[in-house]
Amino acid sequence: LHPEDRDNLHRDMDAHLEGRTPRFESRFRMRHADGHDVWILARGRVVAWDADGKPTKMVGTHQDITQQRIQEEELTRAKEAAESATRAKALFLANLSHEIRTPLNGVVSAAHLLDDGTLREDQAALVQMMTTAGQGLLGIVTDVLDLSRIEAGELKAGADLKVSRGASARLSRDPAG
């Protein structure tokens, strides 16, 4: 028995022997004959008691769960890596959105300043097109930022649902349409 697992095994066994659990179950490491550790799932229950009510016979099984434990550890590492990648992606999108939004605000503001009423009709139409396109891009950038914040857990669904619906609608539109 691995020394680090001794207390847990005794706790699980004592809980059953004292009648606090209907059966015994514990996971622990044991040293294999060739020297490496294997994970064991032990299950059992008391089947006979003496006249004083003390357990005298127990039946059960030992099952090698080493492969299962290895797979669980690999899944845990993969989950942690995926969560880390998601956080990195959200941070990247937030930074990218901020870096795009700042100059885009300048473009939209400059277009508003140009539209002072002295422009010819064709010039005013171009300034209006710049303003509309810039505001549309700002909306998309804001939605991307909001979606990345939702993924990162910084925004909660509910009050922010309108934001995510708007983001989904804008981001899923056919860019050619």
N, C-alpha and C. Protein backbone atom coordinates (compact mmCIF):
# COMPACT_ATOMS: atom_id res chain seq x y z
N LEU A 1 0.85 -1.19 0.00
CA LEU A 1 0.00 0.00 0.00
C LEU A 1 0.89 1.24 0.00
N HIS A 2 0.54 2.18 -0.88
CA HIS A 2 1.31 3.43 -0.95
C HIS A 2 1.07 4.23 0.33
N PRO A 3 2.13 4.76 0.93
CA PRO A 3 1.99 5.48 2.20
C PRO A 3 1.01 6.66 2.15
N GLU A 4 0.94 7.34 1.01
CA GLU A 4 0.03 8.49 0.90
C GLU A 4 -1.44 8.08 0.87
N ASP A 5 -1.72 6.82 0.60
CA ASP A 5 -3.11 6.35 0.50
C ASP A 5 -3.59 5.65 1.76
N ARG A 6 -2.68 5.41 2.69
CA ARG A 6 -3.01 4.63 3.88
C ARG A 6 -4.17 5.25 4.68
N ASP A 7 -4.11 6.53 4.96
CA ASP A 7 -5.16 7.18 5.77
C ASP A 7 -6.53 7.10 5.11
N ASN A 8 -6.58 7.34 3.79
CA ASN A 8 -7.86 7.27 3.08
C ASN A 8 -8.43 5.86 3.11
N LEU A 9 -7.58 4.87 2.91
CA LEU A 9 -8.04 3.49 2.94
C LEU A 9 -8.59 3.14 4.32
N HIS A 10 -7.88 3.51 5.37
CA HIS A 10 -8.35 3.22 6.73
C HIS A 10 -9.65 3.96 7.03
N ARG A 11 -9.75 5.21 6.57
CA ARG A 11 -10.98 5.99 6.79
C ARG A 11 -12.18 5.30 6.11
N ASP A 12 -11.98 4.86 4.86
CA ASP A 12 -13.06 4.20 4.12
C ASP A 12 -13.44 2.87 4.77
N MET A 13 -12.44 2.11 5.18
CA MET A 13 -12.70 0.81 5.82
C MET A 13 -13.40 1.00 7.16
N ASP A 14 -12.91 1.93 7.97
CA ASP A 14 -13.52 2.18 9.28
C ASP A 14 -14.98 2.63 9.13
N ALA A 15 -15.26 3.45 8.14
CA ALA A 15 -16.64 3.92 7.93
C ALA A 15 -17.57 2.73 7.70
N HIS A 16 -17.11 1.74 6.94
CA HIS A 16 -17.95 0.57 6.69
C HIS A 16 -18.02 -0.34 7.92
N LEU A 17 -16.89 -0.60 8.54
CA LEU A 17 -16.88 -1.49 9.69
C LEU A 17 -17.69 -0.93 10.86
N GLU A 18 -17.78 0.39 10.95
CA GLU A 18 -18.58 1.03 12.01
C GLU A 18 -20.04 1.18 11.62
N GLY A 19 -20.40 0.71 10.43
CA GLY A 19 -21.80 0.74 10.00
C GLY A 19 -22.26 2.06 9.42
N ARG A 20 -21.34 2.96 9.10
CA ARG A 20 -21.73 4.26 8.53
C ARG A 20 -21.95 4.20 7.03
N THR A 21 -21.48 3.14 6.38
CA THR A 21 -21.70 2.96 4.94
C THR A 21 -22.14 1.52 4.70
N PRO A 22 -23.03 1.30 3.72
CA PRO A 22 -23.53 -0.06 3.46
C PRO A 22 -22.47 -0.98 2.84
N ARG A 23 -21.48 -0.40 2.17
CA ARG A 23 -20.39 -1.19 1.61
C ARG A 23 -19.09 -0.38 1.66
N PHE A 24 -18.03 -1.11 1.50
CA PHE A 24 -16.71 -0.52 1.51
C PHE A 24 -16.28 -0.26 0.07
N GLU A 25 -15.71 0.92 -0.18
CA GLU A 25 -15.13 1.21 -1.48
C GLU A 25 -13.99 2.19 -1.27
N SER A 26 -12.85 1.89 -1.90
CA SER A 26 -11.70 2.77 -1.76
C SER A 26 -10.78 2.60 -2.97
N ARG A 27 -10.11 3.67 -3.32
CA ARG A 27 -9.12 3.66 -4.41
C ARG A 27 -7.76 3.96 -3.79
N PHE A 28 -6.78 3.16 -4.16
CA PHE A 28 -5.44 3.35 -3.58
C PHE A 28 -4.40 2.71 -4.50
N ARG A 29 -3.14 3.03 -4.23
CA ARG A 29 -2.03 2.47 -4.99
C ARG A 29 -1.39 1.33 -4.20
N MET A 30 -1.01 0.33 -4.94
CA MET A 30 -0.27 -0.79 -4.35
C MET A 30 0.98 -1.02 -5.19
N ARG A 31 2.02 -1.53 -4.57
CA ARG A 31 3.27 -1.84 -5.26
C ARG A 31 3.10 -3.19 -5.95
N HIS A 32 3.31 -3.21 -7.26
CA HIS A 32 3.26 -4.44 -8.06
C HIS A 32 4.51 -5.26 -7.78
N ALA A 33 4.45 -6.53 -8.03
CA ALA A 33 5.60 -7.41 -7.77
C ALA A 33 6.85 -6.97 -8.52
N ASP A 34 6.66 -6.35 -9.71
CA ASP A 34 7.84 -5.91 -10.45
C ASP A 34 8.31 -4.51 -10.07
N GLY A 35 7.67 -3.90 -9.06
CA GLY A 35 8.16 -2.66 -8.49
C GLY A 35 7.41 -1.39 -8.85
N HIS A 36 6.50 -1.42 -9.83
CA HIS A 36 5.76 -0.20 -10.16
C HIS A 36 4.43 -0.16 -9.40
N ASP A 37 3.88 1.03 -9.26
CA ASP A 37 2.60 1.19 -8.57
C ASP A 37 1.44 0.92 -9.52
N VAL A 38 0.40 0.29 -8.99
CA VAL A 38 -0.85 0.12 -9.73
C VAL A 38 -1.97 0.69 -8.87
N TRP A 39 -2.97 1.25 -9.55
CA TRP A 39 -4.15 1.77 -8.84
C TRP A 39 -5.16 0.65 -8.69
N ILE A 40 -5.71 0.55 -7.50
CA ILE A 40 -6.67 -0.51 -7.17
C ILE A 40 -7.99 0.13 -6.74
N LEU A 41 -9.08 -0.45 -7.23
CA LEU A 41 -10.41 -0.12 -6.71
C LEU A 41 -10.82 -1.32 -5.88
N ALA A 42 -10.94 -1.11 -4.57
CA ALA A 42 -11.35 -2.18 -3.66
C ALA A 42 -12.79 -1.94 -3.26
N ARG A 43 -13.60 -3.00 -3.36
CA ARG A 43 -15.00 -2.94 -2.96
C ARG A 43 -15.30 -4.17 -2.12
N GLY A 44 -16.14 -3.99 -1.14
CA GLY A 44 -16.51 -5.13 -0.31
C GLY A 44 -17.58 -4.77 0.70
N ARG A 45 -17.97 -5.79 1.46
CA ARG A 45 -18.94 -5.56 2.53
C ARG A 45 -18.82 -6.69 3.56
N VAL A 46 -19.24 -6.36 4.75
CA VAL A 46 -19.24 -7.34 5.84
C VAL A 46 -20.41 -8.30 5.60
N VAL A 47 -20.13 -9.61 5.75
CA VAL A 47 -21.19 -10.60 5.55
C VAL A 47 -21.44 -11.44 6.81
N ALA A 48 -20.59 -11.28 7.84
CA ALA A 48 -20.81 -12.05 9.07
C ALA A 48 -20.33 -11.22 10.26
N TRP A 49 -21.08 -11.37 11.37
CA TRP A 49 -20.76 -10.64 12.60
C TRP A 49 -20.75 -11.63 13.76
N ASP A 50 -20.02 -11.32 14.80
CA ASP A 50 -20.03 -12.19 15.99
C ASP A 50 -21.22 -11.81 16.88
N ALA A 51 -21.32 -12.45 18.02
CA ALA A 51 -22.45 -12.22 18.93
C ALA A 51 -22.48 -10.79 19.46
N ASP A 52 -21.36 -10.12 19.50
CA ASP A 52 -21.30 -8.73 19.97
C ASP A 52 -21.56 -7.72 18.85
N GLY A 53 -21.81 -8.22 17.64
CA GLY A 53 -22.08 -7.33 16.51
C GLY A 53 -20.84 -6.83 15.81
N LYS A 54 -19.71 -7.43 16.12
CA LYS A 54 -18.48 -7.02 15.46
C LYS A 54 -18.30 -7.83 14.18
N PRO A 55 -17.81 -7.18 13.12
CA PRO A 55 -17.63 -7.89 11.85
C PRO A 55 -16.60 -9.01 11.99
N THR A 56 -16.93 -10.17 11.41
CA THR A 56 -15.99 -11.30 11.43
C THR A 56 -15.60 -11.77 10.04
N LYS A 57 -16.42 -11.42 9.03
CA LYS A 57 -16.11 -11.86 7.68
C LYS A 57 -16.53 -10.79 6.69
N MET A 58 -15.65 -10.59 5.73
CA MET A 58 -15.92 -9.59 4.71
C MET A 58 -15.59 -10.20 3.36
N VAL A 59 -16.38 -9.88 2.33
CA VAL A 59 -16.11 -10.32 0.97
C VAL A 59 -15.96 -9.09 0.09
N GLY A 60 -15.18 -9.24 -0.98
CA GLY A 60 -15.00 -8.10 -1.86
C GLY A 60 -14.07 -8.41 -3.01
N THR A 61 -13.75 -7.36 -3.74
CA THR A 61 -12.90 -7.50 -4.91
C THR A 61 -11.85 -6.40 -4.94
N HIS A 62 -10.78 -6.69 -5.65
CA HIS A 62 -9.76 -5.69 -6.00
C HIS A 62 -9.72 -5.65 -7.52
N GLN A 63 -9.79 -4.45 -8.08
CA GLN A 63 -9.76 -4.30 -9.53
C GLN A 63 -8.64 -3.32 -9.89
N ASP A 64 -7.82 -3.70 -10.87
CA ASP A 64 -6.75 -2.81 -11.34
C ASP A 64 -7.39 -1.72 -12.20
N ILE A 65 -7.29 -0.48 -11.73
CA ILE A 65 -7.88 0.66 -12.47
C ILE A 65 -6.78 1.63 -12.92
N THR A 66 -5.58 1.11 -13.08
CA THR A 66 -4.44 1.95 -13.46
C THR A 66 -4.70 2.66 -14.78
N GLN A 67 -5.16 1.94 -15.81
CA GLN A 67 -5.42 2.57 -17.11
C GLN A 67 -6.50 3.64 -17.00
N GLN A 68 -7.52 3.37 -16.23
CA GLN A 68 -8.59 4.35 -16.02
C GLN A 68 -8.03 5.62 -15.38
N ARG A 69 -7.19 5.47 -14.38
CA ARG A 69 -6.58 6.63 -13.70
C ARG A 69 -5.69 7.41 -14.66
N ILE A 70 -4.94 6.71 -15.49
CA ILE A 70 -4.09 7.38 -16.47
C ILE A 70 -4.96 8.19 -17.43
N GLN A 71 -6.05 7.60 -17.90
CA GLN A 71 -6.96 8.31 -18.81
C GLN A 71 -7.61 9.51 -18.13
N GLU A 72 -7.99 9.35 -16.87
CA GLU A 72 -8.58 10.48 -16.12
C GLU A 72 -7.58 11.62 -15.99
N GLU A 73 -6.32 11.28 -15.70
CA GLU A 73 -5.29 12.31 -15.58
C GLU A 73 -5.05 13.00 -16.92
N GLU A 74 -5.05 12.23 -18.01
CA GLU A 74 -4.87 12.82 -19.35
C GLU A 74 -6.04 13.74 -19.68
N LEU A 75 -7.25 13.32 -19.35
CA LEU A 75 -8.43 14.16 -19.59
C LEU A 75 -8.37 15.44 -18.78
N THR A 76 -7.92 15.34 -17.54
CA THR A 76 -7.79 16.52 -16.70
C THR A 76 -6.78 17.49 -17.29
N ARG A 77 -5.64 16.96 -17.73
CA ARG A 77 -4.63 17.83 -18.36
C ARG A 77 -5.16 18.46 -19.64
N ALA A 78 -5.89 17.68 -20.44
CA ALA A 78 -6.45 18.21 -21.69
C ALA A 78 -7.50 19.28 -21.41
N LYS A 79 -8.31 19.06 -20.38
CA LYS A 79 -9.33 20.05 -20.00
C LYS A 79 -8.66 21.34 -19.54
N GLU A 80 -7.63 21.21 -18.72
CA GLU A 80 -6.91 22.39 -18.24
C GLU A 80 -6.25 23.14 -19.40
N ALA A 81 -5.70 22.40 -20.36
CA ALA A 81 -5.08 23.03 -21.53
C ALA A 81 -6.14 23.75 -22.37
N ALA A 82 -7.31 23.12 -22.53
CA ALA A 82 -8.39 23.75 -23.30
C ALA A 82 -8.89 25.01 -22.61
N GLU A 83 -9.02 24.95 -21.29
CA GLU A 83 -9.47 26.13 -20.54
C GLU A 83 -8.43 27.24 -20.64
N SER A 84 -7.17 26.89 -20.59
CA SER A 84 -6.11 27.88 -20.73
C SER A 84 -6.14 28.50 -22.12
N ALA A 85 -6.35 27.68 -23.13
CA ALA A 85 -6.42 28.18 -24.51
C ALA A 85 -7.62 29.11 -24.67
N THR A 86 -8.74 28.76 -24.05
CA THR A 86 -9.93 29.60 -24.13
C THR A 86 -9.67 30.95 -23.47
N ARG A 87 -9.02 30.93 -22.31
CA ARG A 87 -8.68 32.20 -21.64
C ARG A 87 -7.73 33.02 -22.50
N ALA A 88 -6.74 32.38 -23.11
CA ALA A 88 -5.79 33.09 -23.97
C ALA A 88 -6.51 33.67 -25.18
N LYS A 89 -7.43 32.90 -25.76
CA LYS A 89 -8.20 33.40 -26.91
C LYS A 89 -9.04 34.60 -26.51
N ALA A 90 -9.71 34.51 -25.37
CA ALA A 90 -10.55 35.62 -24.91
C ALA A 90 -9.71 36.87 -24.67
N LEU A 91 -8.54 36.68 -24.07
CA LEU A 91 -7.66 37.82 -23.83
C LEU A 91 -7.17 38.42 -25.15
N PHE A 92 -6.80 37.55 -26.09
CA PHE A 92 -6.37 38.02 -27.40
C PHE A 92 -7.50 38.80 -28.08
N LEU A 93 -8.71 38.26 -28.07
CA LEU A 93 -9.83 38.95 -28.72
C LEU A 93 -10.13 40.28 -28.04
N ALA A 94 -10.05 40.29 -26.72
CA ALA A 94 -10.30 41.54 -26.00
C ALA A 94 -9.25 42.59 -26.37
N ASN A 95 -7.99 42.19 -26.41
CA ASN A 95 -6.93 43.12 -26.78
C ASN A 95 -7.06 43.56 -28.23
N LEU A 96 -7.33 42.61 -29.11
CA LEU A 96 -7.50 42.93 -30.53
C LEU A 96 -8.68 43.87 -30.73
N SER A 97 -9.79 43.57 -30.07
CA SER A 97 -10.97 44.42 -30.19
C SER A 97 -10.66 45.83 -29.73
N HIS A 98 -9.95 45.95 -28.63
CA HIS A 98 -9.60 47.27 -28.11
C HIS A 98 -8.69 48.00 -29.11
N GLU A 99 -7.71 47.28 -29.65
CA GLU A 99 -6.77 47.89 -30.58
C GLU A 99 -7.45 48.31 -31.88
N ILE A 100 -8.48 47.61 -32.29
CA ILE A 100 -9.22 47.99 -33.50
C ILE A 100 -10.21 49.10 -33.19
N ARG A 101 -10.86 49.01 -32.05
CA ARG A 101 -11.90 49.97 -31.71
C ARG A 101 -11.34 51.39 -31.56
N THR A 102 -10.17 51.54 -30.98
CA THR A 102 -9.61 52.88 -30.75
C THR A 102 -9.41 53.66 -32.06
N PRO A 103 -8.69 53.11 -33.06
CA PRO A 103 -8.55 53.89 -34.30
C PRO A 103 -9.87 54.00 -35.07
N LEU A 104 -10.72 53.00 -34.97
CA LEU A 104 -12.00 53.04 -35.66
C LEU A 104 -12.88 54.17 -35.11
N ASN A 105 -12.83 54.37 -33.80
CA ASN A 105 -13.54 55.51 -33.21
C ASN A 105 -13.03 56.82 -33.80
N GLY A 106 -11.71 56.90 -34.03
CA GLY A 106 -11.14 58.09 -34.64
C GLY A 106 -11.66 58.31 -36.05
N VAL A 107 -11.77 57.24 -36.83
CA VAL A 107 -12.29 57.34 -38.20
C VAL A 107 -13.74 57.82 -38.18
N VAL A 108 -14.57 57.22 -37.33
CA VAL A 108 -15.99 57.61 -37.25
C VAL A 108 -16.10 59.06 -36.78
N SER A 109 -15.31 59.44 -35.81
CA SER A 109 -15.35 60.83 -35.32
C SER A 109 -14.92 61.80 -36.41
N ALA A 110 -13.87 61.47 -37.17
CA ALA A 110 -13.42 62.33 -38.26
C ALA A 110 -14.50 62.45 -39.33
N ALA A 111 -15.20 61.36 -39.61
CA ALA A 111 -16.29 61.41 -40.60
C ALA A 111 -17.40 62.34 -40.12
N HIS A 112 -17.72 62.29 -38.83
CA HIS A 112 -18.73 63.20 -38.27
C HIS A 112 -18.28 64.65 -38.41
N LEU A 113 -16.99 64.91 -38.18
CA LEU A 113 -16.48 66.28 -38.29
C LEU A 113 -16.53 66.78 -39.73
N LEU A 114 -16.30 65.88 -40.68
CA LEU A 114 -16.37 66.27 -42.09
C LEU A 114 -17.78 66.68 -42.50
N ASP A 115 -18.76 66.02 -41.88
CA ASP A 115 -20.16 66.26 -42.24
C ASP A 115 -20.67 67.51 -41.54
N ASP A 116 -20.19 68.67 -42.00
CA ASP A 116 -20.58 69.93 -41.36
C ASP A 116 -21.63 70.70 -42.16
N GLY A 117 -22.19 70.07 -43.17
CA GLY A 117 -23.23 70.70 -43.96
C GLY A 117 -22.71 71.45 -45.17
N THR A 118 -21.42 71.53 -45.37
CA THR A 118 -20.87 72.28 -46.50
C THR A 118 -20.44 71.37 -47.64
N LEU A 119 -20.66 70.07 -47.49
CA LEU A 119 -20.23 69.12 -48.51
C LEU A 119 -21.23 69.04 -49.66
N ARG A 120 -20.71 68.72 -50.85
CA ARG A 120 -21.60 68.45 -51.98
C ARG A 120 -22.36 67.16 -51.66
N GLU A 121 -23.41 66.90 -52.40
CA GLU A 121 -24.25 65.73 -52.15
C GLU A 121 -23.46 64.43 -52.27
N ASP A 122 -22.60 64.31 -53.29
CA ASP A 122 -21.81 63.09 -53.47
C ASP A 122 -20.79 62.91 -52.34
N GLN A 123 -20.20 64.02 -51.87
CA GLN A 123 -19.26 63.97 -50.74
C GLN A 123 -19.98 63.59 -49.46
N ALA A 124 -21.14 64.19 -49.24
CA ALA A 124 -21.93 63.87 -48.04
C ALA A 124 -22.33 62.40 -48.04
N ALA A 125 -22.64 61.86 -49.22
CA ALA A 125 -23.01 60.44 -49.32
C ALA A 125 -21.82 59.56 -48.94
N LEU A 126 -20.63 59.94 -49.39
CA LEU A 126 -19.43 59.18 -49.03
C LEU A 126 -19.14 59.25 -47.53
N VAL A 127 -19.28 60.45 -46.95
CA VAL A 127 -19.07 60.59 -45.51
C VAL A 127 -20.10 59.77 -44.74
N GLN A 128 -21.34 59.78 -45.21
CA GLN A 128 -22.40 58.98 -44.57
C GLN A 128 -22.07 57.50 -44.67
N MET A 129 -21.56 57.07 -45.82
CA MET A 129 -21.16 55.67 -46.01
C MET A 129 -20.03 55.32 -45.04
N MET A 130 -19.05 56.21 -44.90
CA MET A 130 -17.95 55.99 -43.95
C MET A 130 -18.48 55.86 -42.53
N THR A 131 -19.39 56.76 -42.17
CA THR A 131 -19.94 56.76 -40.81
C THR A 131 -20.72 55.47 -40.56
N THR A 132 -21.58 55.10 -41.49
CA THR A 132 -22.39 53.89 -41.33
C THR A 132 -21.51 52.64 -41.26
N ALA A 133 -20.52 52.55 -42.17
CA ALA A 133 -19.63 51.39 -42.17
C ALA A 133 -18.82 51.35 -40.88
N GLY A 134 -18.30 52.50 -40.46
CA GLY A 134 -17.51 52.57 -39.23
C GLY A 134 -18.32 52.17 -38.01
N GLN A 135 -19.56 52.65 -37.94
CA GLN A 135 -20.41 52.29 -36.80
C GLN A 135 -20.75 50.81 -36.83
N GLY A 136 -20.97 50.27 -38.03
CA GLY A 136 -21.23 48.82 -38.15
C GLY A 136 -20.04 48.01 -37.68
N LEU A 137 -18.83 48.44 -38.10
CA LEU A 137 -17.62 47.74 -37.66
C LEU A 137 -17.44 47.87 -36.15
N LEU A 138 -17.71 49.05 -35.60
CA LEU A 138 -17.61 49.22 -34.15
C LEU A 138 -18.57 48.28 -33.42
N GLY A 139 -19.77 48.12 -33.98
CA GLY A 139 -20.73 47.19 -33.37
C GLY A 139 -20.23 45.76 -33.38
N ILE A 140 -19.64 45.35 -34.51
CA ILE A 140 -19.11 43.99 -34.59
C ILE A 140 -17.94 43.81 -33.63
N VAL A 141 -17.05 44.79 -33.59
CA VAL A 141 -15.90 44.70 -32.67
C VAL A 141 -16.39 44.63 -31.23
N THR A 142 -17.39 45.43 -30.89
CA THR A 142 -17.95 45.40 -29.54
C THR A 142 -18.56 44.03 -29.24
N ASP A 143 -19.28 43.47 -30.23
CA ASP A 143 -19.89 42.15 -30.04
C ASP A 143 -18.84 41.06 -29.88
N VAL A 144 -17.76 41.13 -30.65
CA VAL A 144 -16.68 40.15 -30.49
C VAL A 144 -16.08 40.27 -29.09
N LEU A 145 -15.88 41.50 -28.66
CA LEU A 145 -15.35 41.72 -27.32
C LEU A 145 -16.31 41.16 -26.27
N ASP A 146 -17.59 41.43 -26.43
CA ASP A 146 -18.58 40.92 -25.47
C ASP A 146 -18.61 39.40 -25.46
N LEU A 147 -18.57 38.79 -26.65
CA LEU A 147 -18.57 37.32 -26.71
C LEU A 147 -17.32 36.75 -26.04
N SER A 148 -16.18 37.39 -26.25
CA SER A 148 -14.96 36.88 -25.61
C SER A 148 -15.06 37.05 -24.10
N ARG A 149 -15.70 38.13 -23.65
CA ARG A 149 -15.87 38.33 -22.21
C ARG A 149 -16.87 37.31 -21.64
N ILE A 150 -17.90 36.97 -22.40
CA ILE A 150 -18.85 35.94 -21.95
C ILE A 150 -18.12 34.61 -21.81
N GLU A 151 -17.32 34.24 -22.83
CA GLU A 151 -16.56 32.99 -22.77
C GLU A 151 -15.61 32.97 -21.59
N ALA A 152 -15.04 34.13 -21.27
CA ALA A 152 -14.08 34.21 -20.17
C ALA A 152 -14.79 34.29 -18.83
N GLY A 153 -16.13 34.37 -18.84
CA GLY A 153 -16.88 34.44 -17.59
C GLY A 153 -16.94 35.83 -17.00
N GLU A 154 -16.55 36.84 -17.76
CA GLU A 154 -16.58 38.21 -17.26
C GLU A 154 -17.95 38.86 -17.44
N LEU A 155 -18.75 38.37 -18.38
CA LEU A 155 -20.12 38.84 -18.56
C LEU A 155 -21.03 37.65 -18.32
N LYS A 156 -22.15 37.87 -17.71
CA LYS A 156 -23.09 36.80 -17.42
C LYS A 156 -24.28 36.90 -18.37
N ALA A 157 -24.84 35.77 -18.73
CA ALA A 157 -26.05 35.77 -19.55
C ALA A 157 -27.18 36.36 -18.72
N GLY A 158 -28.24 36.72 -19.36
CA GLY A 158 -29.37 37.33 -18.65
C GLY A 158 -29.51 38.75 -19.12
N ALA A 159 -29.05 39.69 -18.32
CA ALA A 159 -29.12 41.10 -18.72
C ALA A 159 -28.29 41.33 -19.97
N ASP A 160 -27.26 40.52 -20.16
CA ASP A 160 -26.39 40.69 -21.31
C ASP A 160 -26.86 39.87 -22.51
N LEU A 161 -28.03 39.22 -22.41
CA LEU A 161 -28.52 38.37 -23.48
C LEU A 161 -28.74 39.17 -24.75
N LYS A 162 -29.22 40.40 -24.63
CA LYS A 162 -29.43 41.24 -25.81
C LYS A 162 -28.12 41.44 -26.55
N VAL A 163 -27.05 41.60 -25.81
CA VAL A 163 -25.73 41.78 -26.42
C VAL A 163 -25.37 40.55 -27.22
N SER A 164 -25.53 39.36 -26.63
CA SER A 164 -25.10 38.16 -27.33
C SER A 164 -26.00 37.86 -28.51
N ARG A 165 -27.31 38.19 -28.44
CA ARG A 165 -28.19 38.00 -29.59
C ARG A 165 -27.77 38.91 -30.73
N GLY A 166 -27.45 40.16 -30.41
CA GLY A 166 -27.00 41.10 -31.43
C GLY A 166 -25.69 40.64 -32.04
N ALA A 167 -24.81 40.15 -31.19
CA ALA A 167 -23.52 39.67 -31.67
C ALA A 167 -23.71 38.48 -32.59
N SER A 168 -24.56 37.54 -32.17
CA SER A 168 -24.79 36.36 -32.99
C SER A 168 -25.38 36.74 -34.34
N ALA A 169 -26.32 37.66 -34.33
CA ALA A 169 -26.96 38.07 -35.58
C ALA A 169 -25.94 38.72 -36.51
N ARG A 170 -25.14 39.63 -35.99
CA ARG A 170 -24.17 40.33 -36.84
C ARG A 170 -23.06 39.41 -37.31
N LEU A 171 -22.59 38.55 -36.42
CA LEU A 171 -21.47 37.69 -36.79
C LEU A 171 -21.88 36.56 -37.71
N SER A 172 -23.17 36.21 -37.73
CA SER A 172 -23.59 35.09 -38.58
C SER A 172 -24.13 35.55 -39.92
N ARG A 173 -24.26 36.84 -40.14
CA ARG A 173 -24.72 37.34 -41.43
C ARG A 173 -23.76 36.98 -42.53
N ASP A 174 -24.34 36.78 -43.70
CA ASP A 174 -23.53 36.52 -44.89
C ASP A 174 -22.81 37.80 -45.25
N PRO A 175 -21.46 37.82 -45.23
CA PRO A 175 -20.74 39.04 -45.50
C PRO A 175 -20.99 39.58 -46.91
N ALA A 176 -21.36 38.71 -47.84
CA ALA A 176 -21.64 39.17 -49.20
C ALA A 176 -23.02 39.78 -49.31
N GLY A 177 -23.92 39.46 -48.32
CA GLY A 177 -25.31 39.90 -48.39
C GLY A 177 -25.47 41.16 -47.66
